[in-house]
Amino acid sequence: MRYRLTFIAGLAVGYVLGTRAGRERYEQLRKSAQRVAQNPTVRNSVESVSLTGREAATKAFGAVSAKVGDRLPESVSGRVRSLREQRANEDDDWGTSNT
């Protein structure tokens, strides 16, 4: 499924960049893409995928940090800490509750 979506996205980008249909066709494509992006079903799917990705990243970080532990240089662990703090302070673009 991922490869199919990647192919379709590439096809769409190639069409937009390579078309000679002009501004009118570009505007039609842009409006249809906005409609898809604003569709509640699509937004809910994106939210659930992002939450699943965050959970997987958290599990992976826990597993890696348990194995690597104190062997990381202080510069790396400090950078990870600062990125976490920045991420915790950001608002979610999709209006999700992050729960």
N, C-alpha and C. Protein backbone atom coordinates (compact mmCIF):
# COMPACT_ATOMS: atom_id res chain seq x y z
N MET A 1 0.82 -1.19 0.00
CA MET A 1 0.00 0.00 0.00
C MET A 1 0.87 1.26 0.00
N ARG A 2 1.98 1.23 0.75
CA ARG A 2 2.85 2.39 0.83
C ARG A 2 3.44 2.71 -0.54
N TYR A 3 3.82 1.68 -1.26
CA TYR A 3 4.42 1.89 -2.58
C TYR A 3 3.40 2.43 -3.57
N ARG A 4 2.18 1.98 -3.44
CA ARG A 4 1.13 2.47 -4.32
C ARG A 4 0.88 3.97 -4.07
N LEU A 5 0.82 4.36 -2.80
CA LEU A 5 0.61 5.77 -2.48
C LEU A 5 1.79 6.62 -2.95
N THR A 6 3.00 6.10 -2.79
CA THR A 6 4.18 6.82 -3.25
C THR A 6 4.14 6.99 -4.76
N PHE A 7 3.75 5.94 -5.46
CA PHE A 7 3.65 6.02 -6.92
C PHE A 7 2.62 7.06 -7.34
N ILE A 8 1.46 7.03 -6.69
CA ILE A 8 0.40 7.98 -7.04
C ILE A 8 0.84 9.42 -6.76
N ALA A 9 1.51 9.63 -5.62
CA ALA A 9 2.01 10.97 -5.30
C ALA A 9 3.04 11.42 -6.32
N GLY A 10 3.95 10.52 -6.71
CA GLY A 10 4.94 10.85 -7.72
C GLY A 10 4.32 11.15 -9.06
N LEU A 11 3.31 10.38 -9.40
CA LEU A 11 2.59 10.61 -10.65
C LEU A 11 1.93 11.99 -10.66
N ALA A 12 1.31 12.33 -9.54
CA ALA A 12 0.65 13.64 -9.44
C ALA A 12 1.65 14.78 -9.53
N VAL A 13 2.76 14.65 -8.83
CA VAL A 13 3.78 15.69 -8.86
C VAL A 13 4.36 15.82 -10.27
N GLY A 14 4.64 14.69 -10.89
CA GLY A 14 5.16 14.71 -12.25
C GLY A 14 4.20 15.35 -13.23
N TYR A 15 2.93 15.06 -13.04
CA TYR A 15 1.93 15.65 -13.93
C TYR A 15 1.88 17.17 -13.75
N VAL A 16 1.88 17.61 -12.49
CA VAL A 16 1.80 19.05 -12.24
C VAL A 16 3.04 19.75 -12.80
N LEU A 17 4.21 19.16 -12.58
CA LEU A 17 5.43 19.81 -13.05
C LEU A 17 5.59 19.71 -14.57
N GLY A 18 5.09 18.66 -15.17
CA GLY A 18 5.30 18.46 -16.59
C GLY A 18 4.16 18.87 -17.49
N THR A 19 3.07 19.25 -16.94
CA THR A 19 1.90 19.56 -17.76
C THR A 19 2.04 20.90 -18.48
N ARG A 20 1.38 20.97 -19.60
CA ARG A 20 1.31 22.23 -20.34
C ARG A 20 -0.13 22.74 -20.34
N ALA A 21 -0.94 22.20 -19.43
CA ALA A 21 -2.34 22.57 -19.39
C ALA A 21 -2.55 23.97 -18.84
N GLY A 22 -1.57 24.50 -18.15
CA GLY A 22 -1.66 25.87 -17.69
C GLY A 22 -2.15 26.01 -16.26
N ARG A 23 -2.36 27.25 -15.92
CA ARG A 23 -2.71 27.63 -14.55
C ARG A 23 -4.08 27.08 -14.14
N GLU A 24 -5.02 27.02 -15.04
CA GLU A 24 -6.36 26.56 -14.72
C GLU A 24 -6.34 25.11 -14.21
N ARG A 25 -5.63 24.26 -14.92
CA ARG A 25 -5.55 22.85 -14.51
C ARG A 25 -4.80 22.72 -13.19
N TYR A 26 -3.76 23.51 -13.00
CA TYR A 26 -3.03 23.52 -11.74
C TYR A 26 -3.96 23.89 -10.58
N GLU A 27 -4.78 24.90 -10.77
CA GLU A 27 -5.71 25.32 -9.72
C GLU A 27 -6.73 24.24 -9.42
N GLN A 28 -7.19 23.52 -10.45
CA GLN A 28 -8.12 22.41 -10.22
C GLN A 28 -7.47 21.33 -9.37
N LEU A 29 -6.24 20.99 -9.69
CA LEU A 29 -5.52 19.97 -8.92
C LEU A 29 -5.29 20.42 -7.48
N ARG A 30 -4.92 21.69 -7.32
CA ARG A 30 -4.66 22.22 -5.98
C ARG A 30 -5.93 22.19 -5.12
N LYS A 31 -7.05 22.58 -5.69
CA LYS A 31 -8.31 22.57 -4.95
C LYS A 31 -8.74 21.17 -4.58
N SER A 32 -8.55 20.23 -5.48
CA SER A 32 -8.92 18.84 -5.15
C SER A 32 -8.00 18.28 -4.07
N ALA A 33 -6.72 18.64 -4.11
CA ALA A 33 -5.80 18.19 -3.06
C ALA A 33 -6.19 18.80 -1.71
N GLN A 34 -6.60 20.04 -1.71
CA GLN A 34 -7.05 20.67 -0.46
C GLN A 34 -8.30 20.00 0.07
N ARG A 35 -9.22 19.64 -0.82
CA ARG A 35 -10.43 18.95 -0.39
C ARG A 35 -10.10 17.62 0.26
N VAL A 36 -9.16 16.89 -0.33
CA VAL A 36 -8.76 15.61 0.24
C VAL A 36 -8.10 15.82 1.60
N ALA A 37 -7.23 16.81 1.69
CA ALA A 37 -6.52 17.06 2.95
C ALA A 37 -7.46 17.53 4.06
N GLN A 38 -8.54 18.19 3.71
CA GLN A 38 -9.48 18.69 4.70
C GLN A 38 -10.60 17.70 5.01
N ASN A 39 -10.62 16.58 4.34
CA ASN A 39 -11.63 15.55 4.58
C ASN A 39 -11.45 14.99 5.99
N PRO A 40 -12.52 14.93 6.80
CA PRO A 40 -12.40 14.43 8.17
C PRO A 40 -11.87 13.00 8.25
N THR A 41 -12.22 12.16 7.30
CA THR A 41 -11.73 10.79 7.31
C THR A 41 -10.22 10.76 7.12
N VAL A 42 -9.72 11.57 6.21
CA VAL A 42 -8.29 11.63 5.97
C VAL A 42 -7.58 12.19 7.19
N ARG A 43 -8.13 13.23 7.78
CA ARG A 43 -7.51 13.84 8.96
C ARG A 43 -7.47 12.86 10.13
N ASN A 44 -8.55 12.09 10.32
CA ASN A 44 -8.56 11.09 11.39
C ASN A 44 -7.53 10.00 11.13
N SER A 45 -7.41 9.60 9.87
CA SER A 45 -6.41 8.58 9.53
C SER A 45 -5.00 9.10 9.79
N VAL A 46 -4.74 10.33 9.41
CA VAL A 46 -3.43 10.92 9.65
C VAL A 46 -3.15 10.99 11.14
N GLU A 47 -4.15 11.37 11.92
CA GLU A 47 -3.97 11.46 13.36
C GLU A 47 -3.66 10.09 13.97
N SER A 48 -4.40 9.06 13.56
CA SER A 48 -4.15 7.74 14.13
C SER A 48 -2.79 7.20 13.71
N VAL A 49 -2.39 7.47 12.47
CA VAL A 49 -1.06 7.02 12.02
C VAL A 49 0.04 7.76 12.78
N SER A 50 -0.15 9.04 13.00
CA SER A 50 0.88 9.79 13.72
C SER A 50 0.98 9.34 15.18
N LEU A 51 -0.15 9.04 15.80
CA LEU A 51 -0.10 8.54 17.17
C LEU A 51 0.57 7.17 17.24
N THR A 52 0.28 6.32 16.27
CA THR A 52 0.92 5.01 16.22
C THR A 52 2.42 5.17 16.01
N GLY A 53 2.81 6.10 15.16
CA GLY A 53 4.24 6.36 14.92
C GLY A 53 4.92 6.88 16.17
N ARG A 54 4.27 7.76 16.89
CA ARG A 54 4.85 8.27 18.13
C ARG A 54 5.03 7.17 19.16
N GLU A 55 4.03 6.29 19.26
CA GLU A 55 4.14 5.17 20.20
C GLU A 55 5.28 4.25 19.81
N ALA A 56 5.42 3.96 18.53
CA ALA A 56 6.51 3.10 18.06
C ALA A 56 7.86 3.74 18.32
N ALA A 57 7.96 5.05 18.09
CA ALA A 57 9.22 5.75 18.33
C ALA A 57 9.56 5.75 19.81
N THR A 58 8.56 5.90 20.65
CA THR A 58 8.80 5.87 22.09
C THR A 58 9.30 4.50 22.54
N LYS A 59 8.69 3.43 22.02
CA LYS A 59 9.14 2.08 22.35
C LYS A 59 10.55 1.84 21.85
N ALA A 60 10.83 2.28 20.63
CA ALA A 60 12.17 2.09 20.07
C ALA A 60 13.20 2.87 20.88
N PHE A 61 12.87 4.08 21.27
CA PHE A 61 13.79 4.87 22.08
C PHE A 61 14.06 4.18 23.41
N GLY A 62 13.01 3.63 24.03
CA GLY A 62 13.19 2.92 25.29
C GLY A 62 14.10 1.71 25.13
N ALA A 63 13.90 0.96 24.05
CA ALA A 63 14.73 -0.23 23.83
C ALA A 63 16.18 0.14 23.56
N VAL A 64 16.38 1.15 22.75
CA VAL A 64 17.75 1.56 22.41
C VAL A 64 18.45 2.16 23.62
N SER A 65 17.76 3.02 24.34
CA SER A 65 18.40 3.66 25.49
C SER A 65 18.69 2.65 26.60
N ALA A 66 17.88 1.59 26.70
CA ALA A 66 18.16 0.56 27.69
C ALA A 66 19.43 -0.21 27.32
N LYS A 67 19.65 -0.45 26.04
CA LYS A 67 20.83 -1.19 25.61
C LYS A 67 22.08 -0.30 25.57
N VAL A 68 21.92 0.92 25.10
CA VAL A 68 23.08 1.81 24.96
C VAL A 68 23.41 2.46 26.28
N GLY A 69 22.38 2.94 26.96
CA GLY A 69 22.54 3.50 28.30
C GLY A 69 23.53 4.64 28.38
N ASP A 70 24.52 4.47 29.22
CA ASP A 70 25.49 5.54 29.50
C ASP A 70 26.61 5.62 28.48
N ARG A 71 26.58 4.78 27.46
CA ARG A 71 27.66 4.78 26.47
C ARG A 71 27.54 5.92 25.46
N LEU A 72 26.42 6.63 25.46
CA LEU A 72 26.27 7.77 24.56
C LEU A 72 27.09 8.94 25.06
N PRO A 73 27.70 9.68 24.15
CA PRO A 73 28.39 10.90 24.57
C PRO A 73 27.39 11.91 25.13
N GLU A 74 27.85 12.75 26.00
CA GLU A 74 26.98 13.74 26.63
C GLU A 74 26.38 14.70 25.60
N SER A 75 27.11 14.99 24.54
CA SER A 75 26.59 15.90 23.52
C SER A 75 25.36 15.31 22.83
N VAL A 76 25.37 14.01 22.59
CA VAL A 76 24.24 13.36 21.93
C VAL A 76 23.04 13.31 22.87
N SER A 77 23.27 12.88 24.10
CA SER A 77 22.16 12.78 25.04
C SER A 77 21.59 14.16 25.36
N GLY A 78 22.42 15.17 25.40
CA GLY A 78 21.94 16.54 25.62
C GLY A 78 21.08 17.03 24.47
N ARG A 79 21.48 16.68 23.26
CA ARG A 79 20.70 17.07 22.08
C ARG A 79 19.34 16.38 22.07
N VAL A 80 19.31 15.10 22.43
CA VAL A 80 18.05 14.37 22.49
C VAL A 80 17.13 15.00 23.53
N ARG A 81 17.68 15.34 24.68
CA ARG A 81 16.90 15.99 25.73
C ARG A 81 16.31 17.31 25.25
N SER A 82 17.13 18.13 24.56
CA SER A 82 16.64 19.43 24.11
C SER A 82 15.55 19.26 23.03
N LEU A 83 15.69 18.27 22.17
CA LEU A 83 14.66 18.03 21.17
C LEU A 83 13.36 17.59 21.82
N ARG A 84 13.45 16.76 22.84
CA ARG A 84 12.24 16.34 23.56
C ARG A 84 11.55 17.53 24.21
N GLU A 85 12.32 18.42 24.80
CA GLU A 85 11.73 19.59 25.46
C GLU A 85 11.06 20.50 24.43
N GLN A 86 11.69 20.67 23.28
CA GLN A 86 11.09 21.49 22.22
C GLN A 86 9.79 20.87 21.74
N ARG A 87 9.79 19.56 21.55
CA ARG A 87 8.61 18.85 21.06
C ARG A 87 7.47 18.93 22.07
N ALA A 88 7.79 18.88 23.35
CA ALA A 88 6.76 18.92 24.37
C ALA A 88 6.07 20.28 24.41
N ASN A 89 6.77 21.34 24.00
CA ASN A 89 6.22 22.69 24.06
C ASN A 89 5.45 23.08 22.80
N GLU A 90 5.54 22.29 21.73
CA GLU A 90 4.87 22.64 20.49
C GLU A 90 3.40 22.26 20.51
N ASP A 91 2.59 23.07 19.83
CA ASP A 91 1.19 22.73 19.62
C ASP A 91 1.10 21.84 18.39
N ASP A 92 0.13 20.97 18.40
CA ASP A 92 -0.06 20.06 17.28
C ASP A 92 -0.77 20.78 16.15
N ASP A 93 -0.24 20.67 14.92
CA ASP A 93 -0.82 21.35 13.77
C ASP A 93 -2.22 20.85 13.43
N TRP A 94 -2.53 19.62 13.77
CA TRP A 94 -3.79 19.03 13.38
C TRP A 94 -4.89 19.27 14.41
N GLY A 95 -4.57 19.90 15.52
CA GLY A 95 -5.58 20.15 16.53
C GLY A 95 -5.90 18.93 17.36
N THR A 96 -4.98 18.00 17.43
CA THR A 96 -5.21 16.79 18.21
C THR A 96 -4.89 17.06 19.67
N SER A 97 -5.32 16.15 20.51
CA SER A 97 -5.15 16.35 21.94
C SER A 97 -3.86 15.76 22.47
N ASN A 98 -3.13 14.97 21.66
CA ASN A 98 -1.89 14.32 22.08
C ASN A 98 -2.09 13.43 23.28
N THR A 99 -3.23 12.80 23.37
CA THR A 99 -3.48 11.89 24.48
C THR A 99 -3.46 10.45 24.00
